[in-house]
Amino acid sequence: MKKSELIAAIAKAGQTSNADAERSLIVLADVVRTALESGQKVTLPEIGTFSTKERKARKGRNPRTGEAIDVPAKTVAHFKPTPSLADLIA
C-alpha cells in the first residue's frame, strides 16, 4: 500500500478529508520517531510495538572484492506485531 492509498483508506474509515488523514499520519510518524530517538517504546493497540535494538559490531565482507570489513555497532528500529496480527499474516 502506497502512502496515498493509506491516506485515502484512513480518510474513508475515519470519515474525514484526505488532508486531515495525511496530517494525522505525519503526526503519528513524528511521535513514533521522537519516542524511538529518546529510547522509548511505542505500542499501537491491535498492531504492535516499535522499539530500538542494539546491533553488535561484526566482521563483514565486501561483496565486490571479498575483502573483510568491520561493520560498526548501531541502534536500529524494530517492530514486533501483536500475536493477533502475526496470526493473520502467517
C-alpha atoms as a PDB file:
ATOM      1  CA  MET A   1       0.000   0.000   0.000  1.00  0.00           C
ATOM      2  CA  LYS A   2       1.398   3.361  -1.042  1.00  0.00           C
ATOM      3  CA  LYS A   3       1.276   6.439   1.183  1.00  0.00           C
ATOM      4  CA  SER A   4      -1.526   7.972  -0.889  1.00  0.00           C
ATOM      5  CA  GLU A   5      -3.565   4.762  -0.640  1.00  0.00           C
ATOM      6  CA  LEU A   6      -3.019   4.641   3.122  1.00  0.00           C
ATOM      7  CA  ILE A   7      -4.141   8.249   3.480  1.00  0.00           C
ATOM      8  CA  ALA A   8      -7.257   7.577   1.387  1.00  0.00           C
ATOM      9  CA  ALA A   9      -8.080   4.470   3.471  1.00  0.00           C
ATOM     10  CA  ILE A  10      -7.660   6.392   6.749  1.00  0.00           C
ATOM     11  CA  ALA A  11      -9.827   9.237   5.416  1.00  0.00           C
ATOM     12  CA  LYS A  12     -12.560   6.853   4.315  1.00  0.00           C
ATOM     13  CA  ALA A  13     -12.552   4.803   7.540  1.00  0.00           C
ATOM     14  CA  GLY A  14     -12.450   7.928   9.704  1.00  0.00           C
ATOM     15  CA  GLN A  15     -14.990   9.791   7.559  1.00  0.00           C
ATOM     16  CA  THR A  16     -12.623  12.738   7.246  1.00  0.00           C
ATOM     17  CA  SER A  17     -10.777  14.573   4.491  1.00  0.00           C
ATOM     18  CA  ASN A  18      -7.587  13.316   2.891  1.00  0.00           C
ATOM     19  CA  ALA A  19      -5.786  16.416   4.218  1.00  0.00           C
ATOM     20  CA  ASP A  20      -6.808  15.625   7.810  1.00  0.00           C
ATOM     21  CA  ALA A  21      -5.828  11.978   7.370  1.00  0.00           C
ATOM     22  CA  GLU A  22      -2.435  12.979   5.965  1.00  0.00           C
ATOM     23  CA  ARG A  23      -1.791  15.354   8.882  1.00  0.00           C
ATOM     24  CA  SER A  24      -2.695  12.564  11.321  1.00  0.00           C
ATOM     25  CA  LEU A  25      -0.315  10.164   9.609  1.00  0.00           C
ATOM     26  CA  ILE A  26       2.507  12.727   9.664  1.00  0.00           C
ATOM     27  CA  VAL A  27       1.911  13.454  13.358  1.00  0.00           C
ATOM     28  CA  LEU A  28       1.910   9.717  14.182  1.00  0.00           C
ATOM     29  CA  ALA A  29       5.193   9.229  12.320  1.00  0.00           C
ATOM     30  CA  ASP A  30       6.751  12.205  14.142  1.00  0.00           C
ATOM     31  CA  VAL A  31       5.615  10.943  17.545  1.00  0.00           C
ATOM     32  CA  VAL A  32       6.979   7.445  16.870  1.00  0.00           C
ATOM     33  CA  ARG A  33      10.275   8.855  15.542  1.00  0.00           C
ATOM     34  CA  THR A  34      10.713  11.157  18.550  1.00  0.00           C
ATOM     35  CA  ALA A  35       9.948   8.375  21.025  1.00  0.00           C
ATOM     36  CA  LEU A  36      12.400   5.975  19.371  1.00  0.00           C
ATOM     37  CA  GLU A  37      15.114   8.648  19.319  1.00  0.00           C
ATOM     38  CA  SER A  38      14.732   9.012  23.086  1.00  0.00           C
ATOM     39  CA  GLY A  39      14.816   5.242  23.624  1.00  0.00           C
ATOM     40  CA  GLN A  40      11.116   4.775  24.404  1.00  0.00           C
ATOM     41  CA  LYS A  41       8.824   2.035  23.122  1.00  0.00           C
ATOM     42  CA  VAL A  42       5.627   2.878  21.238  1.00  0.00           C
ATOM     43  CA  THR A  43       2.751   0.419  21.427  1.00  0.00           C
ATOM     44  CA  LEU A  44      -0.093   0.695  18.945  1.00  0.00           C
ATOM     45  CA  PRO A  45      -3.040  -1.401  20.197  1.00  0.00           C
ATOM     46  CA  GLU A  46      -4.034  -4.240  17.845  1.00  0.00           C
ATOM     47  CA  ILE A  47      -0.960  -3.500  15.663  1.00  0.00           C
ATOM     48  CA  GLY A  48       2.291  -3.937  17.558  1.00  0.00           C
ATOM     49  CA  THR A  49       5.234  -2.304  19.296  1.00  0.00           C
ATOM     50  CA  PHE A  50       8.010  -0.150  17.881  1.00  0.00           C
ATOM     51  CA  SER A  51      11.281  -0.209  19.816  1.00  0.00           C
ATOM     52  CA  THR A  52      15.018   0.047  19.268  1.00  0.00           C
ATOM     53  CA  LYS A  53      17.623  -2.703  19.358  1.00  0.00           C
ATOM     54  CA  GLU A  54      21.378  -2.609  19.525  1.00  0.00           C
ATOM     55  CA  ARG A  55      23.295  -4.439  16.801  1.00  0.00           C
ATOM     56  CA  LYS A  56      26.749  -5.587  17.833  1.00  0.00           C
ATOM     57  CA  ALA A  57      29.835  -4.762  15.815  1.00  0.00           C
ATOM     58  CA  ARG A  58      30.777  -7.585  13.483  1.00  0.00           C
ATOM     59  CA  LYS A  59      33.020  -8.644  10.646  1.00  0.00           C
ATOM     60  CA  GLY A  60      31.550  -8.461   7.167  1.00  0.00           C
ATOM     61  CA  ARG A  61      32.668  -8.910   3.572  1.00  0.00           C
ATOM     62  CA  ASN A  62      32.649  -6.500   0.691  1.00  0.00           C
ATOM     63  CA  PRO A  63      30.565  -8.389  -1.905  1.00  0.00           C
ATOM     64  CA  ARG A  64      32.536  -6.959  -4.835  1.00  0.00           C
ATOM     65  CA  THR A  65      36.066  -7.598  -3.627  1.00  0.00           C
ATOM     66  CA  GLY A  66      35.578 -10.221  -0.917  1.00  0.00           C
ATOM     67  CA  GLU A  67      37.670  -8.046   1.389  1.00  0.00           C
ATOM     68  CA  ALA A  68      36.913  -8.336   5.131  1.00  0.00           C
ATOM     69  CA  ILE A  69      35.477  -5.160   6.652  1.00  0.00           C
ATOM     70  CA  ASP A  70      34.461  -4.081  10.133  1.00  0.00           C
ATOM     71  CA  VAL A  71      30.751  -3.282  10.465  1.00  0.00           C
ATOM     72  CA  PRO A  72      30.279  -0.942  13.441  1.00  0.00           C
ATOM     73  CA  ALA A  73      27.666  -1.395  16.174  1.00  0.00           C
ATOM     74  CA  LYS A  74      24.497   0.627  15.721  1.00  0.00           C
ATOM     75  CA  THR A  75      20.982   1.146  17.010  1.00  0.00           C
ATOM     76  CA  VAL A  76      18.158   0.063  14.692  1.00  0.00           C
ATOM     77  CA  ALA A  77      14.374   0.393  14.758  1.00  0.00           C
ATOM     78  CA  HIS A  78      12.456  -2.813  15.485  1.00  0.00           C
ATOM     79  CA  PHE A  79       8.759  -3.691  15.114  1.00  0.00           C
ATOM     80  CA  LYS A  80       7.038  -6.596  16.833  1.00  0.00           C
ATOM     81  CA  PRO A  81       3.458  -7.256  15.725  1.00  0.00           C
ATOM     82  CA  THR A  82       0.764  -8.279  18.177  1.00  0.00           C
ATOM     83  CA  PRO A  83       0.014 -12.017  18.241  1.00  0.00           C
ATOM     84  CA  SER A  84      -3.385 -11.447  16.577  1.00  0.00           C
ATOM     85  CA  LEU A  85      -1.782  -9.503  13.717  1.00  0.00           C
ATOM     86  CA  ALA A  86       1.011 -12.056  13.348  1.00  0.00           C
ATOM     87  CA  ASP A  87      -1.582 -14.851  13.109  1.00  0.00           C
ATOM     88  CA  LEU A  88      -3.398 -13.018  10.305  1.00  0.00           C
ATOM     89  CA  ILE A  89      -0.203 -12.765   8.272  1.00  0.00           C
ATOM     90  CA  ALA A  90       1.074 -16.310   8.853  1.00  0.00           C
END
